[in-house]
Amino acid sequence: MLEPGVVVRRAGDRFVTTAAGRTTWHAFSFGAHYDPERIAYGPLMVCNTDLIETDRGYPDHPHREAEIVTWVLAGSLRHSDSFGNTGVVHPGLAQRMSAGSGIVHAEVNDAYRIDPNRPVGPVHFVQMWLRPDEAGTTPGYAQRALAPADLEAGLVPVASGEHPDAAIDLGTRRATFWVGRLAPGIQRRLPDAHALFVVVARGDVELEGVGAIRVGDTVELNARGGSTIRAHSDTEVLVWELGR
């Protein structure tokens, strides 16, 4: 029996979209997939896990009024947009695109064409969209690499609308995206927050008060914080801290 304010959604219950060369697993309602009980979690509107084959991806498409954070687990993803921003997103590099009043961008698994050191193979990433605090702002882009040692030493504030040590900023206040890489047996304490959204991106953990959480599972924790997670295998955990 789970405690009040705890919702666990298993990987096998996620919506799935398939297209040529790509598969997407959705934590919330998205596109043709709809569940009134799974619309969003606070300002977090989208949490998609993508697997895209070489030379496939998303050609030019528009976005508006969303703070879009991309975290790559394996491979590399090339970004380009209508404001002239370009970049290659790879493991350990944080990326944020602020769609604001409107932007067109593309995400394609063809980074090896511009960088021969990039491996040819699938790219595996998690992309998350948040509602911005202000509408109609000028679109923006940021990316920054994080040190692997820092990600292994504890949960790192990767993107935030208020945390002073975050690698990149967000246009959503009271939202902080944390990432940690845990070796087997390592334990970490989650932020003490009004609400948390936890994604097991790789591996499996034991979450205090919840139990076993495995790759692809998500957990919503309302009015609760300070719980601990303990890794059973090499694990990468993504945590959204969401305030009032």
C-alpha atoms as a PDB file:
ATOM      1  CA  MET A   1       0.000   0.000   0.000  1.00  0.00           C
ATOM      2  CA  LEU A   2       1.469   3.338  -1.076  1.00  0.00           C
ATOM      3  CA  GLU A   3       1.354   6.323   1.237  1.00  0.00           C
ATOM      4  CA  PRO A   4      -1.086   9.174   0.434  1.00  0.00           C
ATOM      5  CA  GLY A   5       0.324  11.608  -2.103  1.00  0.00           C
ATOM      6  CA  VAL A   6       2.411   8.967  -3.896  1.00  0.00           C
ATOM      7  CA  VAL A   7       1.630   7.894  -7.478  1.00  0.00           C
ATOM      8  CA  VAL A   8       3.758   5.276  -9.252  1.00  0.00           C
ATOM      9  CA  ARG A   9       3.400   4.749 -12.992  1.00  0.00           C
ATOM     10  CA  ARG A  10       5.191   1.726 -14.418  1.00  0.00           C
ATOM     11  CA  ALA A  11       7.129   1.756 -17.653  1.00  0.00           C
ATOM     12  CA  GLY A  12       4.804  -0.815 -19.208  1.00  0.00           C
ATOM     13  CA  ASP A  13       1.802   1.473 -18.680  1.00  0.00           C
ATOM     14  CA  ARG A  14       3.248   4.394 -20.642  1.00  0.00           C
ATOM     15  CA  PHE A  15       1.712   5.501 -23.905  1.00  0.00           C
ATOM     16  CA  VAL A  16       3.910   4.597 -26.894  1.00  0.00           C
ATOM     17  CA  THR A  17       4.251   6.294 -30.283  1.00  0.00           C
ATOM     18  CA  THR A  18       6.149   4.632 -33.119  1.00  0.00           C
ATOM     19  CA  ALA A  19       7.231   6.166 -36.418  1.00  0.00           C
ATOM     20  CA  ALA A  20       9.935   5.533 -38.995  1.00  0.00           C
ATOM     21  CA  GLY A  21      13.148   5.081 -37.061  1.00  0.00           C
ATOM     22  CA  ARG A  22      11.892   6.346 -33.726  1.00  0.00           C
ATOM     23  CA  THR A  23       9.941   5.213 -30.666  1.00  0.00           C
ATOM     24  CA  THR A  24       8.614   7.519 -27.936  1.00  0.00           C
ATOM     25  CA  TRP A  25       7.321   6.568 -24.497  1.00  0.00           C
ATOM     26  CA  HIS A  26       5.060   9.223 -22.915  1.00  0.00           C
ATOM     27  CA  ALA A  27       4.625   9.729 -19.179  1.00  0.00           C
ATOM     28  CA  PHE A  28       1.615  12.028 -19.771  1.00  0.00           C
ATOM     29  CA  SER A  29      -1.123  12.466 -22.361  1.00  0.00           C
ATOM     30  CA  PHE A  30       0.446  13.470 -25.673  1.00  0.00           C
ATOM     31  CA  GLY A  31      -0.894  13.851 -29.195  1.00  0.00           C
ATOM     32  CA  ALA A  32      -3.379  11.090 -29.920  1.00  0.00           C
ATOM     33  CA  HIS A  33      -2.816   9.549 -26.469  1.00  0.00           C
ATOM     34  CA  TYR A  34      -5.185  10.872 -23.819  1.00  0.00           C
ATOM     35  CA  ASP A  35      -5.903  10.035 -20.214  1.00  0.00           C
ATOM     36  CA  PRO A  36      -7.663  12.667 -18.071  1.00  0.00           C
ATOM     37  CA  GLU A  37      -5.748  11.394 -15.048  1.00  0.00           C
ATOM     38  CA  ARG A  38      -2.379  11.921 -16.786  1.00  0.00           C
ATOM     39  CA  ILE A  39      -2.436  15.450 -18.213  1.00  0.00           C
ATOM     40  CA  ALA A  40       0.505  17.025 -16.385  1.00  0.00           C
ATOM     41  CA  TYR A  41       2.128  17.302 -12.978  1.00  0.00           C
ATOM     42  CA  GLY A  42       2.203  20.904 -11.834  1.00  0.00           C
ATOM     43  CA  PRO A  43       4.040  22.920 -14.522  1.00  0.00           C
ATOM     44  CA  LEU A  44       5.532  19.737 -16.031  1.00  0.00           C
ATOM     45  CA  MET A  45       3.457  19.094 -19.160  1.00  0.00           C
ATOM     46  CA  VAL A  46       5.529  16.516 -21.047  1.00  0.00           C
ATOM     47  CA  CYS A  47       8.035  13.833 -20.136  1.00  0.00           C
ATOM     48  CA  ASN A  48       8.955  11.769 -23.190  1.00  0.00           C
ATOM     49  CA  THR A  49      11.646   9.136 -23.553  1.00  0.00           C
ATOM     50  CA  ASP A  50      12.838   8.789 -27.150  1.00  0.00           C
ATOM     51  CA  LEU A  51      14.912   6.236 -29.035  1.00  0.00           C
ATOM     52  CA  ILE A  52      15.882   7.481 -32.507  1.00  0.00           C
ATOM     53  CA  GLU A  53      17.878   5.564 -35.090  1.00  0.00           C
ATOM     54  CA  THR A  54      20.737   7.027 -37.138  1.00  0.00           C
ATOM     55  CA  ASP A  55      19.652   9.630 -39.724  1.00  0.00           C
ATOM     56  CA  ARG A  56      16.173   9.794 -38.244  1.00  0.00           C
ATOM     57  CA  GLY A  57      14.491  12.274 -35.944  1.00  0.00           C
ATOM     58  CA  TYR A  58      12.162  15.237 -35.973  1.00  0.00           C
ATOM     59  CA  PRO A  59      12.481  17.606 -38.951  1.00  0.00           C
ATOM     60  CA  ASP A  60      11.439  21.261 -38.629  1.00  0.00           C
ATOM     61  CA  HIS A  61       8.400  21.644 -36.366  1.00  0.00           C
ATOM     62  CA  PRO A  62       7.033  24.535 -34.265  1.00  0.00           C
ATOM     63  CA  HIS A  63       6.723  25.109 -30.534  1.00  0.00           C
ATOM     64  CA  ARG A  64       5.208  27.896 -28.442  1.00  0.00           C
ATOM     65  CA  GLU A  65       5.052  28.726 -24.741  1.00  0.00           C
ATOM     66  CA  ALA A  66       7.173  25.896 -23.363  1.00  0.00           C
ATOM     67  CA  GLU A  67      10.482  25.527 -21.571  1.00  0.00           C
ATOM     68  CA  ILE A  68      11.942  22.394 -23.196  1.00  0.00           C
ATOM     69  CA  VAL A  69      14.752  20.525 -21.425  1.00  0.00           C
ATOM     70  CA  THR A  70      16.552  17.666 -23.176  1.00  0.00           C
ATOM     71  CA  TRP A  71      18.791  15.164 -21.372  1.00  0.00           C
ATOM     72  CA  VAL A  72      20.617  12.594 -23.511  1.00  0.00           C
ATOM     73  CA  LEU A  73      21.388   9.168 -22.047  1.00  0.00           C
ATOM     74  CA  ALA A  74      23.307   7.665 -24.992  1.00  0.00           C
ATOM     75  CA  GLY A  75      24.305   8.769 -28.486  1.00  0.00           C
ATOM     76  CA  SER A  76      24.000  12.343 -29.732  1.00  0.00           C
ATOM     77  CA  LEU A  77      21.282  14.619 -31.078  1.00  0.00           C
ATOM     78  CA  ARG A  78      21.787  17.604 -33.377  1.00  0.00           C
ATOM     79  CA  HIS A  79      19.649  20.673 -32.697  1.00  0.00           C
ATOM     80  CA  SER A  80      18.958  23.586 -35.074  1.00  0.00           C
ATOM     81  CA  ASP A  81      16.279  26.268 -34.911  1.00  0.00           C
ATOM     82  CA  SER A  82      14.814  29.287 -36.680  1.00  0.00           C
ATOM     83  CA  PHE A  83      16.752  31.697 -34.438  1.00  0.00           C
ATOM     84  CA  GLY A  84      20.083  30.372 -35.680  1.00  0.00           C
ATOM     85  CA  ASN A  85      20.909  28.261 -32.634  1.00  0.00           C
ATOM     86  CA  THR A  86      22.710  24.986 -33.277  1.00  0.00           C
ATOM     87  CA  GLY A  87      24.254  22.375 -31.031  1.00  0.00           C
ATOM     88  CA  VAL A  88      24.983  18.709 -30.488  1.00  0.00           C
ATOM     89  CA  VAL A  89      23.470  17.329 -27.304  1.00  0.00           C
ATOM     90  CA  HIS A  90      25.210  14.298 -25.796  1.00  0.00           C
ATOM     91  CA  PRO A  91      25.361  12.559 -22.396  1.00  0.00           C
ATOM     92  CA  GLY A  92      26.324  14.961 -19.620  1.00  0.00           C
ATOM     93  CA  LEU A  93      25.308  18.076 -21.538  1.00  0.00           C
ATOM     94  CA  ALA A  94      22.211  19.989 -20.464  1.00  0.00           C
ATOM     95  CA  GLN A  95      20.077  21.706 -23.087  1.00  0.00           C
ATOM     96  CA  ARG A  96      17.166  24.113 -22.703  1.00  0.00           C
ATOM     97  CA  MET A  97      15.118  25.713 -25.456  1.00  0.00           C
ATOM     98  CA  SER A  98      12.618  28.426 -24.517  1.00  0.00           C
ATOM     99  CA  ALA A  99       9.935  28.361 -27.201  1.00  0.00           C
ATOM    100  CA  GLY A 100       8.370  31.624 -26.020  1.00  0.00           C
ATOM    101  CA  SER A 101       6.331  33.465 -28.668  1.00  0.00           C
ATOM    102  CA  GLY A 102       7.196  30.820 -31.257  1.00  0.00           C
ATOM    103  CA  ILE A 103      10.145  28.915 -32.684  1.00  0.00           C
ATOM    104  CA  VAL A 104      10.750  26.222 -35.303  1.00  0.00           C
ATOM    105  CA  HIS A 105      13.423  23.622 -34.630  1.00  0.00           C
ATOM    106  CA  ALA A 106      14.700  20.237 -35.724  1.00  0.00           C
ATOM    107  CA  GLU A 107      16.245  17.363 -33.757  1.00  0.00           C
ATOM    108  CA  VAL A 108      18.047  14.754 -35.822  1.00  0.00           C
ATOM    109  CA  ASN A 109      20.386  11.864 -35.069  1.00  0.00           C
ATOM    110  CA  ASP A 110      23.022  12.825 -37.643  1.00  0.00           C
ATOM    111  CA  ALA A 111      25.676  14.575 -35.547  1.00  0.00           C
ATOM    112  CA  TYR A 112      28.325  12.237 -36.972  1.00  0.00           C
ATOM    113  CA  ARG A 113      28.015  14.139 -40.258  1.00  0.00           C
ATOM    114  CA  ILE A 114      29.464  17.282 -38.687  1.00  0.00           C
ATOM    115  CA  ASP A 115      31.630  15.596 -36.066  1.00  0.00           C
ATOM    116  CA  PRO A 116      33.346  12.356 -37.135  1.00  0.00           C
ATOM    117  CA  ASN A 117      34.053  11.576 -33.468  1.00  0.00           C
ATOM    118  CA  ARG A 118      30.346  11.099 -32.818  1.00  0.00           C
ATOM    119  CA  PRO A 119      29.352   7.415 -32.981  1.00  0.00           C
ATOM    120  CA  VAL A 120      26.848   6.128 -35.499  1.00  0.00           C
ATOM    121  CA  GLY A 121      23.950   4.499 -33.659  1.00  0.00           C
ATOM    122  CA  PRO A 122      20.696   5.231 -31.822  1.00  0.00           C
ATOM    123  CA  VAL A 123      20.258   8.254 -29.585  1.00  0.00           C
ATOM    124  CA  HIS A 124      18.366   7.709 -26.338  1.00  0.00           C
ATOM    125  CA  PHE A 125      17.094  10.790 -24.523  1.00  0.00           C
ATOM    126  CA  VAL A 126      14.459  12.210 -22.199  1.00  0.00           C
ATOM    127  CA  GLN A 127      12.714  15.453 -23.134  1.00  0.00           C
ATOM    128  CA  MET A 128      10.585  17.447 -20.714  1.00  0.00           C
ATOM    129  CA  TRP A 129       8.352  20.486 -21.313  1.00  0.00           C
ATOM    130  CA  LEU A 130       7.281  22.969 -18.646  1.00  0.00           C
ATOM    131  CA  ARG A 131       4.833  25.873 -18.692  1.00  0.00           C
ATOM    132  CA  PRO A 132       6.740  29.174 -18.550  1.00  0.00           C
ATOM    133  CA  ASP A 133       5.795  31.829 -16.013  1.00  0.00           C
ATOM    134  CA  GLU A 134       5.433  34.509 -18.679  1.00  0.00           C
ATOM    135  CA  ALA A 135       3.824  34.220 -22.096  1.00  0.00           C
ATOM    136  CA  GLY A 136       5.078  35.804 -25.288  1.00  0.00           C
ATOM    137  CA  THR A 137       8.750  36.025 -24.368  1.00  0.00           C
ATOM    138  CA  THR A 138      11.547  36.003 -26.938  1.00  0.00           C
ATOM    139  CA  PRO A 139      12.672  32.424 -27.711  1.00  0.00           C
ATOM    140  CA  GLY A 140      16.047  31.407 -26.304  1.00  0.00           C
ATOM    141  CA  TYR A 141      18.535  28.558 -26.173  1.00  0.00           C
ATOM    142  CA  ALA A 142      21.214  27.343 -23.756  1.00  0.00           C
ATOM    143  CA  GLN A 143      23.440  24.304 -23.372  1.00  0.00           C
ATOM    144  CA  ARG A 144      26.201  23.483 -20.915  1.00  0.00           C
ATOM    145  CA  ALA A 145      28.287  20.424 -20.149  1.00  0.00           C
ATOM    146  CA  LEU A 146      28.432  18.996 -16.639  1.00  0.00           C
ATOM    147  CA  ALA A 147      31.361  17.139 -15.116  1.00  0.00           C
ATOM    148  CA  PRO A 148      30.753  13.355 -14.906  1.00  0.00           C
ATOM    149  CA  ALA A 149      32.372  13.315 -11.459  1.00  0.00           C
ATOM    150  CA  ASP A 150      29.780  15.790 -10.179  1.00  0.00           C
ATOM    151  CA  LEU A 151      26.892  13.683 -11.492  1.00  0.00           C
ATOM    152  CA  GLU A 152      28.352  10.653  -9.712  1.00  0.00           C
ATOM    153  CA  ALA A 153      28.980  12.507  -6.452  1.00  0.00           C
ATOM    154  CA  GLY A 154      25.358  13.491  -5.819  1.00  0.00           C
ATOM    155  CA  LEU A 155      22.219  14.976  -7.318  1.00  0.00           C
ATOM    156  CA  VAL A 156      23.217  17.974  -9.467  1.00  0.00           C
ATOM    157  CA  PRO A 157      20.916  20.946 -10.236  1.00  0.00           C
ATOM    158  CA  VAL A 158      20.937  20.866 -14.037  1.00  0.00           C
ATOM    159  CA  ALA A 159      18.249  23.426 -14.910  1.00  0.00           C
ATOM    160  CA  SER A 160      16.309  25.738 -12.644  1.00  0.00           C
ATOM    161  CA  GLY A 161      14.225  28.871 -12.438  1.00  0.00           C
ATOM    162  CA  GLU A 162      15.621  29.708  -9.024  1.00  0.00           C
ATOM    163  CA  HIS A 163      18.566  27.537  -7.930  1.00  0.00           C
ATOM    164  CA  PRO A 164      21.755  29.658  -8.032  1.00  0.00           C
ATOM    165  CA  ASP A 165      24.023  26.702  -8.827  1.00  0.00           C
ATOM    166  CA  ALA A 166      22.028  25.253 -11.732  1.00  0.00           C
ATOM    167  CA  ALA A 167      23.937  24.713 -14.980  1.00  0.00           C
ATOM    168  CA  ILE A 168      21.270  26.483 -17.048  1.00  0.00           C
ATOM    169  CA  ASP A 169      18.321  28.690 -16.166  1.00  0.00           C
ATOM    170  CA  LEU A 170      14.604  28.165 -16.798  1.00  0.00           C
ATOM    171  CA  GLY A 171      11.695  30.492 -17.400  1.00  0.00           C
ATOM    172  CA  THR A 172       9.697  28.508 -14.839  1.00  0.00           C
ATOM    173  CA  ARG A 173      10.328  29.613 -11.281  1.00  0.00           C
ATOM    174  CA  ARG A 174      10.040  27.091  -8.447  1.00  0.00           C
ATOM    175  CA  ALA A 175      11.159  24.289 -10.761  1.00  0.00           C
ATOM    176  CA  THR A 176      14.551  22.580 -10.563  1.00  0.00           C
ATOM    177  CA  PHE A 177      15.747  19.602 -12.589  1.00  0.00           C
ATOM    178  CA  TRP A 178      18.228  17.349 -10.744  1.00  0.00           C
ATOM    179  CA  VAL A 179      20.258  14.457 -12.173  1.00  0.00           C
ATOM    180  CA  GLY A 180      22.371  11.841 -10.436  1.00  0.00           C
ATOM    181  CA  ARG A 181      24.296   8.749 -11.496  1.00  0.00           C
ATOM    182  CA  LEU A 182      24.426   6.063  -8.832  1.00  0.00           C
ATOM    183  CA  ALA A 183      26.601   2.965  -8.680  1.00  0.00           C
ATOM    184  CA  PRO A 184      25.138  -0.190  -7.081  1.00  0.00           C
ATOM    185  CA  GLY A 185      24.633   0.270  -3.339  1.00  0.00           C
ATOM    186  CA  ILE A 186      24.919   4.076  -3.435  1.00  0.00           C
ATOM    187  CA  GLN A 187      22.239   6.012  -1.609  1.00  0.00           C
ATOM    188  CA  ARG A 188      21.070   9.587  -2.210  1.00  0.00           C
ATOM    189  CA  ARG A 189      18.597  11.859  -0.462  1.00  0.00           C
ATOM    190  CA  LEU A 190      15.938  13.517  -2.599  1.00  0.00           C
ATOM    191  CA  PRO A 191      15.247  17.248  -2.266  1.00  0.00           C
ATOM    192  CA  ASP A 192      12.798  18.296   0.430  1.00  0.00           C
ATOM    193  CA  ALA A 193      10.103  19.925  -1.687  1.00  0.00           C
ATOM    194  CA  HIS A 194       6.378  20.538  -2.056  1.00  0.00           C
ATOM    195  CA  ALA A 195       6.302  18.063  -4.941  1.00  0.00           C
ATOM    196  CA  LEU A 196       8.761  15.792  -6.739  1.00  0.00           C
ATOM    197  CA  PHE A 197       8.605  13.938 -10.045  1.00  0.00           C
ATOM    198  CA  VAL A 198      11.132  11.087 -10.245  1.00  0.00           C
ATOM    199  CA  VAL A 199      12.157   9.268 -13.438  1.00  0.00           C
ATOM    200  CA  VAL A 200      14.402   6.211 -13.425  1.00  0.00           C
ATOM    201  CA  ALA A 201      16.196   6.703 -16.745  1.00  0.00           C
ATOM    202  CA  ARG A 202      18.608   3.757 -16.325  1.00  0.00           C
ATOM    203  CA  GLY A 203      18.886   0.932 -13.823  1.00  0.00           C
ATOM    204  CA  ASP A 204      16.717   0.366 -10.778  1.00  0.00           C
ATOM    205  CA  VAL A 205      16.460   1.752  -7.251  1.00  0.00           C
ATOM    206  CA  GLU A 206      14.714   1.288  -3.942  1.00  0.00           C
ATOM    207  CA  LEU A 207      12.743   4.433  -3.069  1.00  0.00           C
ATOM    208  CA  GLU A 208      12.004   4.964   0.614  1.00  0.00           C
ATOM    209  CA  GLY A 209       8.305   4.518   1.330  1.00  0.00           C
ATOM    210  CA  VAL A 210       7.598   3.323  -2.207  1.00  0.00           C
ATOM    211  CA  GLY A 211       9.703   0.239  -2.931  1.00  0.00           C
ATOM    212  CA  ALA A 212      11.380  -0.961  -6.121  1.00  0.00           C
ATOM    213  CA  ILE A 213      11.410   1.532  -9.003  1.00  0.00           C
ATOM    214  CA  ARG A 214      12.817   0.343 -12.309  1.00  0.00           C
ATOM    215  CA  VAL A 215      13.913   1.844 -15.611  1.00  0.00           C
ATOM    216  CA  GLY A 216      11.077   3.758 -17.260  1.00  0.00           C
ATOM    217  CA  ASP A 217       9.019   4.049 -14.068  1.00  0.00           C
ATOM    218  CA  THR A 218       7.940   7.474 -12.804  1.00  0.00           C
ATOM    219  CA  VAL A 219       6.899   8.530  -9.317  1.00  0.00           C
ATOM    220  CA  GLU A 220       4.914  11.583  -8.193  1.00  0.00           C
ATOM    221  CA  LEU A 221       5.494  12.606  -4.582  1.00  0.00           C
ATOM    222  CA  ASN A 222       3.131  15.282  -3.238  1.00  0.00           C
ATOM    223  CA  ALA A 223       3.805  17.297  -0.086  1.00  0.00           C
ATOM    224  CA  ARG A 224       6.691  15.029   0.752  1.00  0.00           C
ATOM    225  CA  GLY A 225      10.446  15.281   0.512  1.00  0.00           C
ATOM    226  CA  GLY A 226      13.685  14.087   1.972  1.00  0.00           C
ATOM    227  CA  SER A 227      13.150  10.452   0.957  1.00  0.00           C
ATOM    228  CA  THR A 228      16.176   8.375   0.047  1.00  0.00           C
ATOM    229  CA  ILE A 229      16.885   6.289  -3.025  1.00  0.00           C
ATOM    230  CA  ARG A 230      19.311   3.379  -3.116  1.00  0.00           C
ATOM    231  CA  ALA A 231      20.621   1.958  -6.389  1.00  0.00           C
ATOM    232  CA  HIS A 232      20.530  -1.773  -7.103  1.00  0.00           C
ATOM    233  CA  SER A 233      22.480  -1.391 -10.365  1.00  0.00           C
ATOM    234  CA  ASP A 234      24.187   1.363 -12.347  1.00  0.00           C
ATOM    235  CA  THR A 235      21.431   3.933 -12.329  1.00  0.00           C
ATOM    236  CA  GLU A 236      20.648   7.378 -13.718  1.00  0.00           C
ATOM    237  CA  VAL A 237      17.831   9.150 -11.927  1.00  0.00           C
ATOM    238  CA  LEU A 238      16.095  12.365 -13.028  1.00  0.00           C
ATOM    239  CA  VAL A 239      14.195  14.423 -10.443  1.00  0.00           C
ATOM    240  CA  TRP A 240      11.989  17.479 -10.889  1.00  0.00           C
ATOM    241  CA  GLU A 241      11.586  19.563  -7.745  1.00  0.00           C
ATOM    242  CA  LEU A 242       8.361  21.558  -8.083  1.00  0.00           C
ATOM    243  CA  GLY A 243       7.376  24.233  -5.576  1.00  0.00           C
ATOM    244  CA  ARG A 244       4.072  25.935  -4.900  1.00  0.00           C
END
